[in-house]
Each structure stands twice: as structure tokens, then as C-alpha cells.
Amino acid sequence: MKALAWVLLGGMVVGCAGDADVAGSYTIALTNRDNGCMFGNYNVGDTAQGIGVVITQNDSNVTLTVNGVAGTYLVLLLGADKNVYQGDVDGDELSTESLGTRAQNMGNCTYTINSKIKGSLDGDALTGRIEYRAADNGNPDCAPISGCLTYQDFNGTRPPT
């Protein structure tokens, strides 16, 4: 009888293993939170609705593409094609990153902005956080943005499959 219990328990563990299917077209809403990187025209508490996001998945590897005006904003902030994030899914947790290529300057400080999107899938609902951090050249002029964090909370859904 104990052997049967272990087999059943083992089957439940195996049944729970694996990565969620996060692929799909989502409609996302954003809420601006802390603006530690001092982005212009960024107001804490502002919201945006109806942002189109497409996630493709190959096993645990994912590509997340932000479309529309929000995607254009990311290209302006991060650099060409940086509205596309690469990453993975582990269970129901999504983690992606887009490394900035658009060089910006502040005195003798040269920096880019990197972004990460982390989310959690529950059925067809995706919730999480988008982070933006400066990657600088270490010059003392970078002090105002060194280690900065600007982030947004998001939630969205995809049509049921």
C-alpha cells in the first residue's frame, strides 16, 4: 500500500512539472510606478490600456514583442528592435530581457537602458512588472542614474484557447 502511495505521489509531481503555455496575443494594461531613472514625461500612477503584446514559445524559450505606440516608445528608449524581449518560462513564471543599444549621455556619463519583463500566468491572465535600469560607463557624472530603477506593473489577458 505504501508503494502505491509513493507511485501516486510521484505521478502527481510529474504531472505538475513542466512549463505553462504562455504563447498568445495579450491585451495589457500598465500602471507607472517608481521613476528612479528620472524618465521625462513619466508620471507615477498614470495608466495605459490596450497595449498589444505577442508571446511566442518554443519549449521553455519565449520571445515577447510589444506592439503599437508602446513598442515604438521602447524602440526610442532602448534602441532599434528593442521592443522584442528574449527569455524563458519556468512553470507559470515568465522572465524576459531586452538589452538597450541606444547610447545616451549625461555630461561624461554614457549609458543605455536595459529592460526586464517578469510575469506570472494564471489561466489566460498574465500579471507582473516591467523594470528599466541604466547600464552606465562608471563615470562620476552617472551618479544620478547609477543603480536606478523605474518600473511599471502590468496585467493582461489573452483570448481563451
Protein backbone atom coordinates (compact mmCIF):
# COMPACT_ATOMS: atom_id res chain seq x y z
CA MET A 1 0.00 0.00 0.00
CA LYS A 2 2.86 2.42 0.81
CA ALA A 3 4.39 1.68 -2.59
CA LEU A 4 1.13 2.64 -4.30
CA ALA A 5 1.03 5.92 -2.33
CA TRP A 6 4.58 6.74 -3.46
CA VAL A 7 3.73 5.93 -7.08
CA LEU A 8 0.65 8.17 -6.93
CA LEU A 9 2.61 10.97 -5.26
CA GLY A 10 5.36 10.62 -7.86
CA GLY A 11 2.75 10.79 -10.62
CA MET A 12 1.32 14.00 -9.16
CA VAL A 13 4.77 15.59 -9.00
CA VAL A 14 5.49 14.63 -12.61
CA GLY A 15 2.03 15.83 -13.63
CA CYS A 16 2.70 19.23 -12.04
CA ALA A 17 6.09 19.58 -13.67
CA GLY A 18 6.56 21.42 -16.94
CA ASP A 19 6.22 24.89 -18.24
CA ALA A 20 2.99 26.75 -18.85
CA ASP A 21 1.93 27.56 -22.39
CA VAL A 22 2.32 31.35 -22.34
CA ALA A 23 2.10 31.79 -26.13
CA GLY A 24 -0.57 34.10 -27.45
CA SER A 25 -1.71 37.63 -28.15
CA TYR A 26 -2.35 39.60 -24.98
CA THR A 27 -4.03 42.92 -24.31
CA ILE A 28 -2.12 44.59 -21.50
CA ALA A 29 -2.78 47.47 -19.09
CA LEU A 30 0.16 49.30 -17.45
CA THR A 31 0.46 51.40 -14.31
CA ASN A 32 3.53 53.59 -13.85
CA ARG A 33 5.25 53.07 -10.52
CA ASP A 34 8.58 54.44 -9.22
CA ASN A 35 10.61 56.61 -11.63
CA GLY A 36 14.10 56.14 -10.18
CA CYS A 37 15.75 56.65 -13.59
CA MET A 38 14.08 60.04 -13.99
CA PHE A 39 12.35 59.40 -17.33
CA GLY A 40 10.81 62.53 -18.82
CA ASN A 41 7.01 62.69 -19.20
CA TYR A 42 6.67 59.76 -16.77
CA ASN A 43 4.09 60.30 -14.06
CA VAL A 44 3.76 57.82 -11.23
CA GLY A 45 0.22 56.43 -11.17
CA ASP A 46 -0.52 57.06 -14.85
CA THR A 47 -2.07 54.13 -16.68
CA ALA A 48 -2.21 52.90 -20.26
CA GLN A 49 -4.71 50.41 -21.64
CA GLY A 50 -4.98 48.21 -24.71
CA ILE A 51 -1.29 47.51 -25.29
CA GLY A 52 -0.76 44.62 -27.70
CA VAL A 53 1.82 42.01 -26.71
CA VAL A 54 2.57 38.82 -28.61
CA ILE A 55 4.43 35.94 -26.98
CA THR A 56 5.81 33.04 -28.98
CA GLN A 57 7.16 29.96 -27.25
CA ASN A 58 9.43 27.07 -28.20
CA ASP A 59 9.67 24.68 -25.24
CA SER A 60 10.82 26.92 -22.36
CA ASN A 61 12.21 29.68 -24.63
CA VAL A 62 10.00 32.70 -25.26
CA THR A 63 10.02 35.82 -27.38
CA LEU A 64 7.81 38.69 -26.24
CA THR A 65 7.04 41.54 -28.67
CA VAL A 66 5.42 44.80 -27.57
CA ASN A 67 3.44 46.37 -30.42
CA GLY A 68 1.83 49.72 -31.19
CA VAL A 69 2.71 53.01 -29.54
CA ALA A 70 4.20 51.22 -26.51
CA GLY A 71 6.52 49.25 -28.81
CA THR A 72 7.58 52.46 -30.54
CA TYR A 73 8.32 54.05 -27.16
CA LEU A 74 10.54 51.08 -26.25
CA VAL A 75 12.47 51.46 -29.52
CA LEU A 76 13.04 55.15 -28.72
CA LEU A 77 14.10 54.38 -25.15
CA LEU A 78 16.12 51.20 -25.62
CA GLY A 79 17.18 51.15 -29.29
CA ALA A 80 16.26 49.54 -32.60
CA ASP A 81 14.25 46.30 -32.33
CA LYS A 82 14.33 46.54 -28.53
CA ASN A 83 10.57 46.14 -28.27
CA VAL A 84 11.41 42.44 -28.58
CA TYR A 85 12.36 40.60 -25.38
CA GLN A 86 14.00 37.16 -25.11
CA GLY A 87 13.75 34.84 -22.16
CA ASP A 88 12.16 31.76 -20.74
CA VAL A 89 9.23 30.35 -18.87
CA ASP A 90 9.69 28.22 -15.76
CA GLY A 91 6.44 26.71 -14.56
CA ASP A 92 3.99 29.61 -14.77
CA GLU A 93 6.72 32.27 -14.35
CA LEU A 94 7.87 34.30 -17.37
CA SER A 95 11.20 36.14 -17.40
CA THR A 96 12.43 38.14 -20.40
CA GLU A 97 15.03 40.81 -21.09
CA SER A 98 15.87 43.43 -23.71
CA LEU A 99 19.35 44.94 -23.51
CA GLY A 100 19.43 48.55 -24.63
CA THR A 101 21.63 49.72 -27.50
CA ARG A 102 20.66 53.40 -27.71
CA ALA A 103 23.55 55.36 -26.18
CA GLN A 104 22.54 58.33 -24.06
CA ASN A 105 24.71 60.95 -22.39
CA MET A 106 24.72 62.99 -19.20
CA GLY A 107 27.92 65.04 -19.03
CA ASN A 108 30.74 62.47 -19.31
CA CYS A 109 28.34 59.65 -18.49
CA THR A 110 27.34 57.35 -21.32
CA TYR A 111 24.60 54.84 -20.65
CA THR A 112 21.92 52.64 -22.12
CA ILE A 113 18.66 51.46 -20.58
CA ASN A 114 18.02 47.73 -20.15
CA SER A 115 14.59 46.31 -19.50
CA LYS A 116 13.21 43.13 -17.96
CA ILE A 117 9.68 41.82 -18.00
CA LYS A 118 8.73 39.31 -15.32
CA GLY A 119 5.27 37.86 -15.11
CA SER A 120 3.10 35.09 -13.83
CA LEU A 121 0.41 33.28 -15.82
CA ASP A 122 -2.86 32.20 -14.22
CA GLY A 123 -5.11 30.65 -16.85
CA ASP A 124 -5.25 33.29 -19.58
CA ALA A 125 -4.27 36.19 -17.29
CA LEU A 126 -0.70 37.49 -17.19
CA THR A 127 0.42 39.85 -14.41
CA GLY A 128 3.82 41.20 -13.49
CA ARG A 129 6.33 44.01 -13.65
CA ILE A 130 8.44 45.77 -16.28
CA GLU A 131 11.77 47.09 -14.98
CA TYR A 132 14.11 49.63 -16.54
CA ARG A 133 17.69 50.07 -15.31
CA ALA A 134 20.57 52.18 -16.55
CA ALA A 135 23.81 50.47 -17.60
CA ASP A 136 26.49 53.15 -17.44
CA ASN A 137 30.22 53.59 -18.08
CA GLY A 138 31.03 54.20 -14.40
CA ASN A 139 31.89 57.88 -14.80
CA PRO A 140 31.11 60.02 -11.73
CA ASP A 141 28.64 62.00 -13.88
CA CYS A 142 26.50 58.85 -13.87
CA ALA A 143 25.78 59.17 -10.12
CA PRO A 144 22.14 60.34 -10.58
CA ILE A 145 21.22 57.22 -12.58
CA SER A 146 23.71 54.63 -11.34
CA GLY A 147 21.69 51.72 -9.97
CA CYS A 148 18.40 53.44 -10.81
CA LEU A 149 15.14 51.53 -11.21
CA THR A 150 11.99 52.67 -12.97
CA TYR A 151 9.17 50.16 -13.14
CA GLN A 152 5.60 49.55 -14.21
CA ASP A 153 3.07 46.98 -13.07
CA PHE A 154 1.04 45.22 -15.75
CA ASN A 155 -1.87 42.89 -16.15
CA GLY A 156 -3.50 41.49 -19.22
CA THR A 157 -5.33 38.65 -20.84
CA ARG A 158 -5.31 36.58 -23.99
CA PRO A 159 -8.35 35.01 -25.62
CA PRO A 160 -9.10 31.56 -24.18
CA THR A 161 -7.65 28.67 -26.15
